[in-house]
Amino acid sequence: MVLSNISLAFVCLIALVHPSHAQNSQQDYLNGQNAARAQVGVGPLTWNNTVAAYAQNYANSRIGDCNLIHSNGPYGENLAKGTGSFTVANAVSLWVGEKPYYDYKSNTCVGGQDCRHYTQVVWRKSIHLGCARVFCKNGWWLVSCNYDPPGNYIGERPY
């Protein structure tokens, strides 16, 4: 009976842990961003382990403070943070949620809002994606996604 209770506890623990990984997979990073790209006729991003390693190394360097400070590295970059069960899907939703603030005709962000996370997501020349998610010492989650080649060049439209 004791072994059965231990086995049951182990199975329950696995059931609790497994969904957190399932909600923060490579595919979760790609799905929402590729859906946004498809809406504007841009081809999909593909996962790149080199870009992902860069994102992971940078995210690890922010664990101490979780500040949204750009790495100024060789890739395009989107950062997001949140508390609780902040997932990859939450971060992607924040970036893609800026779409209403991008005016294609004027190629600007409107209403005093930021839209540059969205324009990086849909940047037609960006084809590789690498991302990471870390838990910071202040109890927040940080998500970092990097894009290769980078986007958001002044005077160029994303698509």
C-alpha atoms as a PDB file:
ATOM      1  CA  MET A   1       0.000   0.000   0.000  1.00  0.00           C
ATOM      2  CA  VAL A   2       2.812   2.405   0.843  1.00  0.00           C
ATOM      3  CA  LEU A   3       4.440   1.728  -2.528  1.00  0.00           C
ATOM      4  CA  SER A   4       1.112   2.387  -4.272  1.00  0.00           C
ATOM      5  CA  ASN A   5       0.732   5.738  -2.519  1.00  0.00           C
ATOM      6  CA  ILE A   6       4.286   6.709  -3.443  1.00  0.00           C
ATOM      7  CA  SER A   7       3.685   5.667  -7.043  1.00  0.00           C
ATOM      8  CA  LEU A   8       0.458   7.660  -7.151  1.00  0.00           C
ATOM      9  CA  ALA A   9       2.204  10.708  -5.692  1.00  0.00           C
ATOM     10  CA  PHE A  10       4.958  10.391  -8.298  1.00  0.00           C
ATOM     11  CA  VAL A  11       2.422  10.139 -11.139  1.00  0.00           C
ATOM     12  CA  CYS A  12       0.572  13.200  -9.821  1.00  0.00           C
ATOM     13  CA  LEU A  13       3.847  15.109  -9.611  1.00  0.00           C
ATOM     14  CA  ILE A  14       4.670  14.191 -13.209  1.00  0.00           C
ATOM     15  CA  ALA A  15       1.184  15.309 -14.266  1.00  0.00           C
ATOM     16  CA  LEU A  16       1.746  18.682 -12.606  1.00  0.00           C
ATOM     17  CA  VAL A  17       5.229  19.201 -14.002  1.00  0.00           C
ATOM     18  CA  HIS A  18       4.665  17.970 -17.538  1.00  0.00           C
ATOM     19  CA  PRO A  19       2.101  20.627 -18.602  1.00  0.00           C
ATOM     20  CA  SER A  20       4.523  23.433 -17.742  1.00  0.00           C
ATOM     21  CA  HIS A  21       6.989  22.012 -20.256  1.00  0.00           C
ATOM     22  CA  ALA A  22       4.252  21.381 -22.783  1.00  0.00           C
ATOM     23  CA  GLN A  23       3.209  25.032 -22.633  1.00  0.00           C
ATOM     24  CA  ASN A  24       6.720  26.345 -23.214  1.00  0.00           C
ATOM     25  CA  SER A  25       8.096  24.262 -26.058  1.00  0.00           C
ATOM     26  CA  GLN A  26       9.888  25.303 -29.233  1.00  0.00           C
ATOM     27  CA  GLN A  27       6.602  24.809 -31.049  1.00  0.00           C
ATOM     28  CA  ASP A  28       4.843  27.191 -28.662  1.00  0.00           C
ATOM     29  CA  TYR A  29       7.338  29.901 -29.584  1.00  0.00           C
ATOM     30  CA  LEU A  30       6.769  29.215 -33.283  1.00  0.00           C
ATOM     31  CA  ASN A  31       2.982  28.697 -33.394  1.00  0.00           C
ATOM     32  CA  GLY A  32       1.733  32.141 -32.398  1.00  0.00           C
ATOM     33  CA  GLN A  33       4.416  33.987 -34.308  1.00  0.00           C
ATOM     34  CA  ASN A  34       3.948  31.938 -37.469  1.00  0.00           C
ATOM     35  CA  ALA A  35       0.179  32.443 -37.258  1.00  0.00           C
ATOM     36  CA  ALA A  36       0.744  36.228 -37.165  1.00  0.00           C
ATOM     37  CA  ARG A  37       3.133  35.969 -40.115  1.00  0.00           C
ATOM     38  CA  ALA A  38       0.654  33.896 -42.138  1.00  0.00           C
ATOM     39  CA  GLN A  39      -2.034  36.565 -41.589  1.00  0.00           C
ATOM     40  CA  VAL A  40       0.087  39.043 -43.543  1.00  0.00           C
ATOM     41  CA  GLY A  41       1.425  36.605 -46.130  1.00  0.00           C
ATOM     42  CA  VAL A  42       4.891  36.111 -44.651  1.00  0.00           C
ATOM     43  CA  GLY A  43       6.532  32.670 -44.589  1.00  0.00           C
ATOM     44  CA  PRO A  44       7.102  30.808 -41.333  1.00  0.00           C
ATOM     45  CA  LEU A  45      10.007  31.109 -38.961  1.00  0.00           C
ATOM     46  CA  THR A  46      12.035  27.969 -38.271  1.00  0.00           C
ATOM     47  CA  TRP A  47      13.756  27.087 -35.015  1.00  0.00           C
ATOM     48  CA  ASN A  48      17.512  27.624 -34.947  1.00  0.00           C
ATOM     49  CA  ASN A  49      19.588  26.116 -32.139  1.00  0.00           C
ATOM     50  CA  THR A  50      22.404  28.668 -32.491  1.00  0.00           C
ATOM     51  CA  VAL A  51      19.958  31.558 -32.129  1.00  0.00           C
ATOM     52  CA  ALA A  52      18.245  29.724 -29.244  1.00  0.00           C
ATOM     53  CA  ALA A  53      21.591  29.296 -27.452  1.00  0.00           C
ATOM     54  CA  TYR A  54      22.175  33.041 -27.793  1.00  0.00           C
ATOM     55  CA  ALA A  55      18.699  33.739 -26.352  1.00  0.00           C
ATOM     56  CA  GLN A  56      19.317  31.309 -23.477  1.00  0.00           C
ATOM     57  CA  ASN A  57      22.708  32.808 -22.615  1.00  0.00           C
ATOM     58  CA  TYR A  58      21.274  36.314 -22.610  1.00  0.00           C
ATOM     59  CA  ALA A  59      18.191  35.326 -20.605  1.00  0.00           C
ATOM     60  CA  ASN A  60      20.465  33.618 -18.064  1.00  0.00           C
ATOM     61  CA  SER A  61      22.390  36.886 -17.687  1.00  0.00           C
ATOM     62  CA  ARG A  62      19.139  38.661 -16.701  1.00  0.00           C
ATOM     63  CA  ILE A  63      18.084  36.179 -13.985  1.00  0.00           C
ATOM     64  CA  GLY A  64      19.406  38.499 -11.274  1.00  0.00           C
ATOM     65  CA  ASP A  65      17.119  41.426 -12.093  1.00  0.00           C
ATOM     66  CA  CYS A  66      14.730  40.379 -14.901  1.00  0.00           C
ATOM     67  CA  ASN A  67      15.060  43.836 -16.471  1.00  0.00           C
ATOM     68  CA  LEU A  68      13.937  44.179 -20.073  1.00  0.00           C
ATOM     69  CA  ILE A  69      17.240  45.479 -21.384  1.00  0.00           C
ATOM     70  CA  HIS A  70      18.113  44.520 -24.948  1.00  0.00           C
ATOM     71  CA  SER A  71      21.289  42.557 -25.550  1.00  0.00           C
ATOM     72  CA  ASN A  72      22.320  44.713 -28.531  1.00  0.00           C
ATOM     73  CA  GLY A  73      23.575  41.544 -30.163  1.00  0.00           C
ATOM     74  CA  PRO A  74      23.579  40.373 -33.778  1.00  0.00           C
ATOM     75  CA  TYR A  75      19.909  39.348 -33.831  1.00  0.00           C
ATOM     76  CA  GLY A  76      16.520  40.983 -33.703  1.00  0.00           C
ATOM     77  CA  GLU A  77      15.088  40.628 -30.215  1.00  0.00           C
ATOM     78  CA  ASN A  78      11.792  40.657 -28.361  1.00  0.00           C
ATOM     79  CA  LEU A  79      11.662  40.532 -24.574  1.00  0.00           C
ATOM     80  CA  ALA A  80       8.735  40.100 -22.206  1.00  0.00           C
ATOM     81  CA  LYS A  81       8.261  39.350 -18.537  1.00  0.00           C
ATOM     82  CA  GLY A  82       5.414  38.385 -16.277  1.00  0.00           C
ATOM     83  CA  THR A  83       4.501  36.852 -12.958  1.00  0.00           C
ATOM     84  CA  GLY A  84       2.669  33.718 -11.939  1.00  0.00           C
ATOM     85  CA  SER A  85       2.397  31.172 -14.700  1.00  0.00           C
ATOM     86  CA  PHE A  86       3.619  33.557 -17.420  1.00  0.00           C
ATOM     87  CA  THR A  87       4.117  31.322 -20.443  1.00  0.00           C
ATOM     88  CA  VAL A  88       5.676  31.570 -23.852  1.00  0.00           C
ATOM     89  CA  ALA A  89       2.180  31.920 -25.303  1.00  0.00           C
ATOM     90  CA  ASN A  90       1.571  34.916 -23.006  1.00  0.00           C
ATOM     91  CA  ALA A  91       4.747  36.606 -24.242  1.00  0.00           C
ATOM     92  CA  VAL A  92       3.938  35.958 -27.894  1.00  0.00           C
ATOM     93  CA  SER A  93       0.403  37.283 -27.334  1.00  0.00           C
ATOM     94  CA  LEU A  94       1.837  40.531 -25.960  1.00  0.00           C
ATOM     95  CA  TRP A  95       4.010  41.011 -29.041  1.00  0.00           C
ATOM     96  CA  VAL A  96       1.389  39.984 -31.584  1.00  0.00           C
ATOM     97  CA  GLY A  97      -1.181  42.043 -29.675  1.00  0.00           C
ATOM     98  CA  GLU A  98       0.580  45.191 -30.889  1.00  0.00           C
ATOM     99  CA  LYS A  99      -0.744  44.583 -34.419  1.00  0.00           C
ATOM    100  CA  PRO A 100      -3.573  47.167 -34.132  1.00  0.00           C
ATOM    101  CA  TYR A 101      -0.962  49.847 -33.473  1.00  0.00           C
ATOM    102  CA  TYR A 102       0.959  49.225 -36.695  1.00  0.00           C
ATOM    103  CA  ASP A 103      -0.195  51.268 -39.686  1.00  0.00           C
ATOM    104  CA  TYR A 104       1.129  49.659 -42.851  1.00  0.00           C
ATOM    105  CA  LYS A 105       0.347  52.651 -45.061  1.00  0.00           C
ATOM    106  CA  SER A 106       2.480  55.064 -43.035  1.00  0.00           C
ATOM    107  CA  ASN A 107       4.810  52.305 -41.754  1.00  0.00           C
ATOM    108  CA  THR A 108       4.536  53.741 -38.241  1.00  0.00           C
ATOM    109  CA  CYS A 109       3.205  52.894 -34.817  1.00  0.00           C
ATOM    110  CA  VAL A 110       0.032  54.881 -34.139  1.00  0.00           C
ATOM    111  CA  GLY A 111      -1.712  56.236 -31.082  1.00  0.00           C
ATOM    112  CA  GLY A 112       1.503  56.665 -29.143  1.00  0.00           C
ATOM    113  CA  GLN A 113       1.742  52.888 -28.821  1.00  0.00           C
ATOM    114  CA  ASP A 114       4.689  50.586 -29.420  1.00  0.00           C
ATOM    115  CA  CYS A 115       4.376  48.153 -32.314  1.00  0.00           C
ATOM    116  CA  ARG A 116       8.004  47.227 -32.901  1.00  0.00           C
ATOM    117  CA  HIS A 117       7.676  43.837 -31.200  1.00  0.00           C
ATOM    118  CA  TYR A 118       4.921  42.991 -33.670  1.00  0.00           C
ATOM    119  CA  THR A 119       6.895  44.248 -36.665  1.00  0.00           C
ATOM    120  CA  GLN A 120       9.857  42.088 -35.623  1.00  0.00           C
ATOM    121  CA  VAL A 121       7.578  39.037 -35.391  1.00  0.00           C
ATOM    122  CA  VAL A 122       6.307  39.581 -38.949  1.00  0.00           C
ATOM    123  CA  TRP A 123       9.575  40.865 -40.473  1.00  0.00           C
ATOM    124  CA  ARG A 124       9.688  39.048 -43.825  1.00  0.00           C
ATOM    125  CA  LYS A 125      13.469  38.732 -43.970  1.00  0.00           C
ATOM    126  CA  SER A 126      13.700  37.115 -40.525  1.00  0.00           C
ATOM    127  CA  ILE A 127      13.561  33.354 -41.036  1.00  0.00           C
ATOM    128  CA  HIS A 128      15.214  31.823 -37.955  1.00  0.00           C
ATOM    129  CA  LEU A 129      13.933  31.955 -34.392  1.00  0.00           C
ATOM    130  CA  GLY A 130      15.538  31.048 -31.089  1.00  0.00           C
ATOM    131  CA  CYS A 131      14.005  31.720 -27.694  1.00  0.00           C
ATOM    132  CA  ALA A 132      14.420  31.069 -23.988  1.00  0.00           C
ATOM    133  CA  ARG A 133      12.406  31.411 -20.791  1.00  0.00           C
ATOM    134  CA  VAL A 134      13.981  31.817 -17.345  1.00  0.00           C
ATOM    135  CA  PHE A 135      12.706  32.271 -13.806  1.00  0.00           C
ATOM    136  CA  CYS A 136      14.280  35.349 -12.248  1.00  0.00           C
ATOM    137  CA  LYS A 137      15.360  35.859  -8.647  1.00  0.00           C
ATOM    138  CA  ASN A 138      12.562  38.405  -8.156  1.00  0.00           C
ATOM    139  CA  GLY A 139       9.889  35.782  -8.902  1.00  0.00           C
ATOM    140  CA  TRP A 140       9.161  36.917 -12.460  1.00  0.00           C
ATOM    141  CA  TRP A 141       9.512  34.984 -15.720  1.00  0.00           C
ATOM    142  CA  LEU A 142      11.567  36.450 -18.570  1.00  0.00           C
ATOM    143  CA  VAL A 143      11.057  35.389 -22.181  1.00  0.00           C
ATOM    144  CA  SER A 144      13.624  36.299 -24.822  1.00  0.00           C
ATOM    145  CA  CYS A 145      13.199  35.615 -28.541  1.00  0.00           C
ATOM    146  CA  ASN A 146      15.844  36.358 -31.138  1.00  0.00           C
ATOM    147  CA  TYR A 147      15.364  36.620 -34.900  1.00  0.00           C
ATOM    148  CA  ASP A 148      17.841  36.024 -37.700  1.00  0.00           C
ATOM    149  CA  PRO A 149      18.370  38.055 -39.745  1.00  0.00           C
ATOM    150  CA  PRO A 150      17.185  40.964 -37.582  1.00  0.00           C
ATOM    151  CA  GLY A 151      14.395  43.292 -38.612  1.00  0.00           C
ATOM    152  CA  ASN A 152      12.956  46.702 -37.810  1.00  0.00           C
ATOM    153  CA  TYR A 153      15.129  48.704 -40.169  1.00  0.00           C
ATOM    154  CA  ILE A 154      14.101  52.354 -40.363  1.00  0.00           C
ATOM    155  CA  GLY A 155      12.306  53.134 -43.600  1.00  0.00           C
ATOM    156  CA  GLU A 156      11.624  49.470 -44.471  1.00  0.00           C
ATOM    157  CA  ARG A 157       8.233  47.830 -44.160  1.00  0.00           C
ATOM    158  CA  PRO A 158       8.129  44.476 -42.378  1.00  0.00           C
ATOM    159  CA  TYR A 159       6.222  42.791 -45.241  1.00  0.00           C
END
